[in-house]
Amino acid sequence: MAQGSPTNEGEHEKVYGASFAIYDDASLDDFIRFLATRFKANGIDPVSEFAGKRCLDAGCGNGRGALFMASHGATSVDCIDISPSNVTTTRRNLAARGLDPDRVIEGSLQAMPYEDASLDFVWCNGVLMHTDNPDGCLNELSRVLKPGGRCWLYVYGADGIAWYWVSRARAVIREYGAERCLRVLKLLRLDVRYIAEYIDDWTVPYLRTYSAEMFSARLRSAGFTDVQPLPRGVAYDTNHRRNLFPEDADWMGEGDLRFLLTKTSKAAKPVERLPADPENTGKPFHPAIVQKFATLFDEYEAVVTGSLLLSIVTSADIQRTLRDMLSREEPFSPDAFHAAVSATIDLARELK
């Protein structure tokens, strides 16, 4: 869950409070299994990481990270999120699994109420890039960790066909707002995880991507080691695809940036601060991506702009097509994706 300034808390609540609340038990368990798969793919033993440890789920959303850590032996798991709805949802999910709901509090990652060097493990999965002050939040994660403590951190890597598509969809859809988009997506009866993904990608107030080189340098200055992004994941993770299919590299961009960090020292003055620009892309999109898809996505924009239903239905179909293609155990085919998007646009045009 993004941890924002007061001016954006209302929008954060609309984006995340509603989307995380729709996860049922089966959907929640599915997501936790994805986390276990990512650990296993990178040779990480979750019991060794969490057993007997005091842990924190920073930006807890619906408590998926907390449940994952607790299920592998964490002594205690605290949770913090800026969204009142997410706090309610996480308390409910923890209580349903026999965990203490009173350890879930409302608050910002920019000023967490935990003592210096008091935690063994901090979990921050998909949060920093959605905050209004990612630099300040990163320093807080470092501050509360003990020397030798560990941190699971996930942010979006720059470039790649997935973020190029999302940037074009955001330009069309953000004006409609999260609440209206959510109603349409529910009407389509999509799986919960897709609804949450689309609402996040299309309507979140801050969406930044980072280059691995710059972000790793900033992690070092925050007092962390082990700053190389993890190479493996589930089938559709772009970092996984970059390593599984080297020919995909230009199309996957920097890949998902997931880290298992070790805290070694106090934060130093950063060589380069994390950009505060709400739409920071980290680096330009690869020329091959722009050349192949810019005109096609211009066509998409021309067809769907002005219609909420057409925008959401068309965008959901395109994004699901891309996700399905990235989930296959084969190299990504730009030509096949181009053809699929073109066919979807043709159908949308007939409905206009």
Protein backbone atom coordinates (compact mmCIF):
# COMPACT_ATOMS: atom_id res chain seq x y z
CA MET A 1 0.00 0.00 0.00
CA ALA A 2 1.33 3.42 -0.89
CA GLN A 3 2.21 5.66 2.01
CA GLY A 4 1.46 9.18 0.86
CA SER A 5 1.08 12.74 1.95
CA PRO A 6 -2.23 14.02 3.35
CA THR A 7 -3.14 15.44 -0.07
CA ASN A 8 -3.04 11.96 -1.59
CA GLU A 9 -4.37 9.82 1.24
CA GLY A 10 -7.92 10.00 -0.12
CA GLU A 11 -6.80 8.77 -3.52
CA HIS A 12 -4.66 6.05 -1.97
CA GLU A 13 -7.67 4.88 0.01
CA LYS A 14 -9.78 4.67 -3.15
CA VAL A 15 -7.11 2.73 -5.05
CA TYR A 16 -5.93 0.32 -2.37
CA GLY A 17 -8.56 0.22 0.34
CA ALA A 18 -11.24 -1.09 -2.00
CA SER A 19 -9.07 -3.35 -4.16
CA PHE A 20 -7.34 -5.16 -1.28
CA ALA A 21 -10.65 -5.66 0.51
CA ILE A 22 -12.07 -7.79 -2.32
CA TYR A 23 -9.52 -10.60 -1.83
CA ASP A 24 -11.26 -13.72 -0.56
CA ASP A 25 -9.38 -16.45 1.32
CA ALA A 26 -8.60 -18.41 -1.85
CA SER A 27 -7.21 -15.35 -3.66
CA LEU A 28 -5.15 -14.41 -0.63
CA ASP A 29 -3.70 -17.90 -0.39
CA ASP A 30 -2.90 -17.89 -4.12
CA PHE A 31 -0.87 -14.70 -3.73
CA ILE A 32 1.01 -16.11 -0.74
CA ARG A 33 1.90 -19.15 -2.85
CA PHE A 34 3.43 -16.80 -5.44
CA LEU A 35 5.64 -15.40 -2.68
CA ALA A 36 6.75 -18.90 -1.71
CA THR A 37 7.52 -19.68 -5.36
CA ARG A 38 9.73 -16.61 -5.65
CA PHE A 39 11.68 -17.59 -2.55
CA LYS A 40 12.15 -21.15 -3.78
CA ALA A 41 13.17 -20.04 -7.29
CA ASN A 42 16.00 -17.98 -5.77
CA GLY A 43 17.13 -20.67 -3.34
CA ILE A 44 15.88 -18.80 -0.27
CA ASP A 45 14.57 -20.76 2.72
CA PRO A 46 11.74 -18.75 4.33
CA VAL A 47 12.00 -20.65 7.61
CA SER A 48 15.66 -19.62 7.95
CA GLU A 49 14.70 -16.01 7.24
CA PHE A 50 11.66 -15.69 9.52
CA ALA A 51 11.68 -18.33 12.27
CA GLY A 52 12.10 -16.80 15.71
CA LYS A 53 12.30 -13.27 14.27
CA ARG A 54 10.46 -10.05 15.03
CA CYS A 55 9.15 -8.94 11.65
CA LEU A 56 7.38 -5.94 10.12
CA ASP A 57 5.09 -5.79 7.09
CA ALA A 58 5.65 -2.19 5.97
CA GLY A 59 2.80 -1.05 3.74
CA CYS A 60 0.88 -4.22 4.54
CA GLY A 61 -2.08 -3.89 2.16
CA ASN A 62 -4.22 -6.88 3.13
CA GLY A 63 -1.50 -8.56 5.18
CA ARG A 64 -0.13 -10.99 2.59
CA GLY A 65 3.47 -10.46 3.64
CA ALA A 66 2.59 -10.75 7.32
CA LEU A 67 0.80 -14.05 6.76
CA PHE A 68 3.72 -15.38 4.72
CA MET A 69 6.22 -14.53 7.46
CA ALA A 70 4.00 -15.85 10.24
CA SER A 71 3.42 -19.13 8.41
CA HIS A 72 7.19 -19.70 8.40
CA GLY A 73 7.79 -19.23 12.08
CA ALA A 74 8.05 -15.48 12.78
CA THR A 75 7.82 -14.86 16.52
CA SER A 76 5.84 -11.67 15.96
CA VAL A 77 4.69 -9.66 12.96
CA ASP A 78 3.82 -5.99 13.17
CA CYS A 79 1.96 -4.31 10.31
CA ILE A 80 1.62 -0.68 9.28
CA ASP A 81 -0.38 0.92 6.48
CA ILE A 82 -1.64 4.41 5.76
CA SER A 83 -5.06 3.19 4.59
CA PRO A 84 -7.72 2.77 7.30
CA SER A 85 -9.50 0.23 5.10
CA ASN A 86 -6.31 -1.80 4.70
CA VAL A 87 -5.77 -1.78 8.45
CA THR A 88 -9.29 -3.16 8.91
CA THR A 89 -8.76 -5.77 6.18
CA THR A 90 -5.40 -6.91 7.56
CA ARG A 91 -6.74 -7.15 11.10
CA ARG A 92 -9.56 -9.34 9.82
CA ASN A 93 -7.21 -11.57 7.82
CA LEU A 94 -4.76 -11.99 10.68
CA ALA A 95 -7.48 -12.71 13.23
CA ALA A 96 -8.99 -15.35 10.93
CA ARG A 97 -5.66 -17.18 11.02
CA GLY A 98 -5.12 -16.95 14.75
CA LEU A 99 -2.72 -13.98 14.69
CA ASP A 100 -2.86 -10.84 16.83
CA PRO A 101 -4.86 -8.13 14.99
CA ASP A 102 -3.80 -5.48 17.50
CA ARG A 103 -0.30 -5.44 15.98
CA VAL A 104 -1.75 -3.79 12.86
CA ILE A 105 -1.62 0.00 13.01
CA GLU A 106 -2.44 2.93 10.78
CA GLY A 107 0.55 5.08 9.92
CA SER A 108 3.02 6.28 7.30
CA LEU A 109 6.28 4.64 6.32
CA GLN A 110 7.83 8.10 6.49
CA ALA A 111 7.59 8.16 10.30
CA MET A 112 7.13 4.68 11.76
CA PRO A 113 6.62 4.33 15.53
CA TYR A 114 9.27 1.64 15.99
CA GLU A 115 12.53 2.00 17.87
CA ASP A 116 15.86 2.24 16.08
CA ALA A 117 17.39 -1.17 15.32
CA SER A 118 14.44 -3.01 16.85
CA LEU A 119 13.40 -5.40 14.06
CA ASP A 120 14.96 -8.53 12.61
CA PHE A 121 13.15 -8.47 9.27
CA VAL A 122 11.29 -5.79 7.30
CA TRP A 123 8.99 -6.75 4.44
CA CYS A 124 8.21 -3.97 1.94
CA ASN A 125 6.71 -5.48 -1.19
CA GLY A 126 5.64 -3.11 -3.97
CA VAL A 127 5.33 0.00 -1.82
CA LEU A 128 8.21 2.51 -2.12
CA MET A 129 7.50 3.50 -5.74
CA HIS A 130 3.95 4.50 -4.73
CA THR A 131 4.95 6.89 -1.92
CA ASP A 132 5.32 10.65 -2.11
CA ASN A 133 8.76 10.44 -0.45
CA PRO A 134 10.46 7.16 -1.39
CA ASP A 135 13.81 8.38 -0.08
CA GLY A 136 12.45 9.11 3.37
CA CYS A 137 10.63 5.78 3.48
CA LEU A 138 13.78 3.88 2.51
CA ASN A 139 15.71 5.56 5.32
CA GLU A 140 12.99 4.53 7.77
CA LEU A 141 13.20 0.90 6.66
CA SER A 142 16.93 1.01 7.35
CA ARG A 143 16.51 2.82 10.67
CA VAL A 144 14.22 0.25 12.29
CA LEU A 145 16.31 -2.77 11.23
CA LYS A 146 18.93 -4.26 13.52
CA PRO A 147 22.49 -4.57 12.20
CA GLY A 148 22.47 -7.87 10.35
CA GLY A 149 18.71 -7.62 9.90
CA ARG A 150 17.15 -8.50 6.59
CA CYS A 151 14.77 -6.69 4.25
CA TRP A 152 12.65 -8.02 1.41
CA LEU A 153 12.15 -5.10 -0.95
CA TYR A 154 10.35 -4.98 -4.28
CA VAL A 155 10.13 -2.00 -6.63
CA TYR A 156 9.39 -1.71 -10.33
CA GLY A 157 12.31 -1.89 -12.75
CA ALA A 158 12.46 0.66 -15.55
CA ASP A 159 11.64 0.16 -19.23
CA GLY A 160 10.04 -2.85 -20.89
CA ILE A 161 6.90 -3.55 -22.86
CA ALA A 162 4.76 -4.02 -19.73
CA TRP A 163 5.45 -0.53 -18.37
CA TYR A 164 5.25 1.04 -21.81
CA TRP A 165 1.75 -0.37 -22.16
CA VAL A 166 0.79 0.72 -18.63
CA SER A 167 2.03 4.26 -19.30
CA ARG A 168 -0.29 4.46 -22.30
CA ALA A 169 -3.25 2.98 -20.42
CA ARG A 170 -2.76 5.41 -17.52
CA ALA A 171 -2.91 8.35 -19.92
CA VAL A 172 -6.42 7.26 -20.90
CA ILE A 173 -7.87 5.80 -17.70
CA ARG A 174 -6.61 7.83 -14.73
CA GLU A 175 -9.15 10.60 -15.33
CA TYR A 176 -11.99 8.19 -14.50
CA GLY A 177 -10.67 7.46 -11.01
CA ALA A 178 -10.27 4.22 -9.10
CA GLU A 179 -13.84 3.91 -7.86
CA ARG A 180 -15.46 4.00 -11.29
CA CYS A 181 -12.83 1.70 -12.76
CA LEU A 182 -13.34 -0.79 -9.95
CA ARG A 183 -17.09 -0.93 -10.59
CA VAL A 184 -16.54 -1.77 -14.26
CA LEU A 185 -13.89 -4.39 -13.50
CA LYS A 186 -16.21 -6.07 -10.98
CA LEU A 187 -18.92 -6.10 -13.65
CA LEU A 188 -16.54 -8.05 -15.90
CA ARG A 189 -16.18 -10.69 -13.15
CA LEU A 190 -12.43 -10.85 -13.51
CA ASP A 191 -10.28 -12.76 -11.04
CA VAL A 192 -9.53 -10.69 -7.96
CA ARG A 193 -5.78 -10.56 -8.63
CA TYR A 194 -6.35 -9.03 -12.06
CA ILE A 195 -8.76 -6.43 -10.72
CA ALA A 196 -6.22 -5.42 -8.07
CA GLU A 197 -3.39 -5.30 -10.64
CA TYR A 198 -5.33 -3.13 -13.08
CA ILE A 199 -6.56 -0.68 -10.44
CA ASP A 200 -3.01 -0.35 -9.13
CA ASP A 201 -1.36 0.09 -12.53
CA TRP A 202 -3.93 2.41 -14.05
CA THR A 203 -5.03 4.70 -11.21
CA VAL A 204 -2.43 4.87 -8.42
CA PRO A 205 -1.32 8.50 -7.87
CA TYR A 206 2.41 7.66 -7.89
CA LEU A 207 3.91 5.05 -10.22
CA ARG A 208 7.68 5.14 -10.53
CA THR A 209 10.12 2.73 -12.12
CA TYR A 210 13.86 2.61 -11.43
CA SER A 211 17.07 1.54 -13.10
CA ALA A 212 18.78 -1.30 -11.23
CA GLU A 213 22.10 0.57 -11.15
CA MET A 214 20.67 3.72 -9.59
CA PHE A 215 18.43 1.92 -7.11
CA SER A 216 21.19 -0.45 -5.98
CA ALA A 217 23.50 2.51 -5.39
CA ARG A 218 20.84 4.15 -3.25
CA LEU A 219 20.40 0.94 -1.25
CA ARG A 220 24.13 0.92 -0.45
CA SER A 221 23.94 4.47 0.84
CA ALA A 222 20.97 3.44 3.01
CA GLY A 223 23.24 0.93 4.78
CA PHE A 224 22.38 -2.25 2.90
CA THR A 225 24.42 -4.97 1.24
CA ASP A 226 23.26 -7.81 -1.06
CA VAL A 227 21.96 -5.15 -3.43
CA GLN A 228 21.91 -7.26 -6.60
CA PRO A 229 18.34 -7.88 -7.80
CA LEU A 230 17.16 -11.46 -7.45
CA PRO A 231 17.24 -13.21 -10.84
CA ARG A 232 14.27 -15.58 -10.60
CA GLY A 233 10.57 -15.55 -9.85
CA VAL A 234 7.24 -16.80 -11.16
CA ALA A 235 6.79 -17.27 -14.91
CA TYR A 236 5.55 -13.75 -15.71
CA ASP A 237 8.09 -11.84 -13.58
CA THR A 238 10.18 -9.79 -15.98
CA ASN A 239 13.41 -10.40 -14.03
CA HIS A 240 12.75 -14.14 -14.38
CA ARG A 241 12.12 -13.83 -18.12
CA ARG A 242 15.30 -11.79 -18.66
CA ASN A 243 17.33 -14.66 -17.25
CA LEU A 244 15.30 -17.50 -18.74
CA PHE A 245 15.13 -15.99 -22.24
CA PRO A 246 18.10 -13.67 -22.92
CA GLU A 247 16.54 -12.73 -26.26
CA ASP A 248 13.71 -11.08 -24.29
CA ALA A 249 16.04 -8.56 -22.61
CA ASP A 250 15.16 -5.57 -24.80
CA TRP A 251 11.45 -6.20 -24.26
CA MET A 252 11.58 -6.86 -20.50
CA GLY A 253 13.54 -3.73 -19.56
CA GLU A 254 15.34 -3.74 -16.22
CA GLY A 255 13.08 -6.49 -14.94
CA ASP A 256 11.26 -6.59 -11.61
CA LEU A 257 13.64 -5.38 -8.90
CA ARG A 258 13.32 -7.71 -5.93
CA PHE A 259 15.98 -7.76 -3.24
CA LEU A 260 16.79 -9.70 -0.10
CA LEU A 261 18.95 -7.12 1.64
CA THR A 262 21.16 -7.20 4.72
CA LYS A 263 21.46 -4.15 6.99
CA THR A 264 25.10 -3.46 7.80
CA SER A 265 25.48 0.18 8.78
CA LYS A 266 23.72 3.46 9.37
CA ALA A 267 22.38 5.30 6.35
CA ALA A 268 24.85 7.69 4.75
CA LYS A 269 24.17 10.77 2.68
CA PRO A 270 22.87 9.38 -0.63
CA VAL A 271 24.95 9.90 -3.74
CA GLU A 272 21.68 10.21 -5.63
CA ARG A 273 18.22 10.51 -4.10
CA LEU A 274 15.34 8.44 -5.40
CA PRO A 275 13.38 10.64 -7.83
CA ALA A 276 10.21 12.20 -6.42
CA ASP A 277 8.55 12.70 -9.83
CA PRO A 278 5.23 10.79 -9.55
CA GLU A 279 5.68 9.28 -13.03
CA ASN A 280 9.46 8.77 -12.98
CA THR A 281 10.42 6.12 -15.55
CA GLY A 282 14.07 5.68 -14.51
CA LYS A 283 15.26 5.58 -18.12
CA PRO A 284 13.77 5.98 -21.62
CA PHE A 285 11.86 3.10 -23.13
CA HIS A 286 13.88 0.96 -25.52
CA PRO A 287 13.67 2.27 -29.11
CA ALA A 288 12.49 -1.13 -30.34
CA ILE A 289 9.45 -0.95 -28.06
CA VAL A 290 8.54 2.57 -29.10
CA GLN A 291 9.06 1.87 -32.78
CA LYS A 292 6.94 -1.29 -32.67
CA PHE A 293 4.05 -0.09 -30.52
CA ALA A 294 3.78 3.72 -30.38
CA THR A 295 1.55 4.05 -33.44
CA LEU A 296 -0.61 1.10 -32.39
CA PHE A 297 -1.14 2.52 -28.90
CA ASP A 298 -1.92 5.92 -30.44
CA GLU A 299 -4.69 4.11 -32.31
CA TYR A 300 -5.88 2.50 -29.07
CA GLU A 301 -6.06 5.91 -27.42
CA ALA A 302 -7.99 7.44 -30.31
CA VAL A 303 -10.57 4.64 -30.26
CA VAL A 304 -11.29 4.37 -26.52
CA THR A 305 -10.86 7.94 -25.24
CA GLY A 306 -14.13 9.41 -24.01
CA SER A 307 -15.78 6.11 -23.08
CA LEU A 308 -15.30 4.69 -19.60
CA LEU A 309 -16.65 1.26 -20.49
CA LEU A 310 -14.74 0.96 -23.75
CA SER A 311 -11.52 2.17 -22.11
CA ILE A 312 -11.71 -0.34 -19.26
CA VAL A 313 -12.88 -3.33 -21.29
CA THR A 314 -10.30 -2.77 -24.04
CA SER A 315 -7.45 -2.08 -21.62
CA ALA A 316 -8.27 -5.12 -19.49
CA ASP A 317 -8.20 -7.34 -22.56
CA ILE A 318 -4.85 -5.95 -23.73
CA GLN A 319 -3.23 -6.23 -20.31
CA ARG A 320 -4.55 -9.76 -19.75
CA THR A 321 -3.22 -10.76 -23.19
CA LEU A 322 0.22 -9.42 -22.29
CA ARG A 323 0.20 -11.17 -18.90
CA ASP A 324 -0.79 -14.46 -20.53
CA MET A 325 2.00 -14.15 -23.10
CA LEU A 326 4.56 -13.39 -20.39
CA SER A 327 3.39 -16.44 -18.43
CA ARG A 328 4.29 -18.86 -21.20
CA GLU A 329 7.51 -20.84 -21.09
CA GLU A 330 8.65 -19.42 -24.42
CA PRO A 331 10.28 -16.20 -25.68
CA PHE A 332 8.05 -13.15 -25.94
CA SER A 333 6.72 -12.50 -29.46
CA PRO A 334 6.32 -8.77 -30.20
CA ASP A 335 4.61 -9.64 -33.49
CA ALA A 336 2.03 -11.86 -31.79
CA PHE A 337 1.30 -9.22 -29.15
CA HIS A 338 0.99 -6.53 -31.83
CA ALA A 339 -1.49 -8.68 -33.75
CA ALA A 340 -3.54 -9.40 -30.63
CA VAL A 341 -3.70 -5.72 -29.65
CA SER A 342 -4.64 -4.75 -33.19
CA ALA A 343 -7.50 -7.26 -33.16
CA THR A 344 -8.76 -5.93 -29.83
CA ILE A 345 -8.67 -2.36 -31.11
CA ASP A 346 -10.65 -3.40 -34.20
CA LEU A 347 -13.35 -4.91 -31.97
CA ALA A 348 -13.41 -1.79 -29.82
CA ARG A 349 -13.79 0.37 -32.90
CA GLU A 350 -16.86 -1.60 -33.96
CA LEU A 351 -18.45 -0.90 -30.58
CA LYS A 352 -17.75 2.81 -30.59
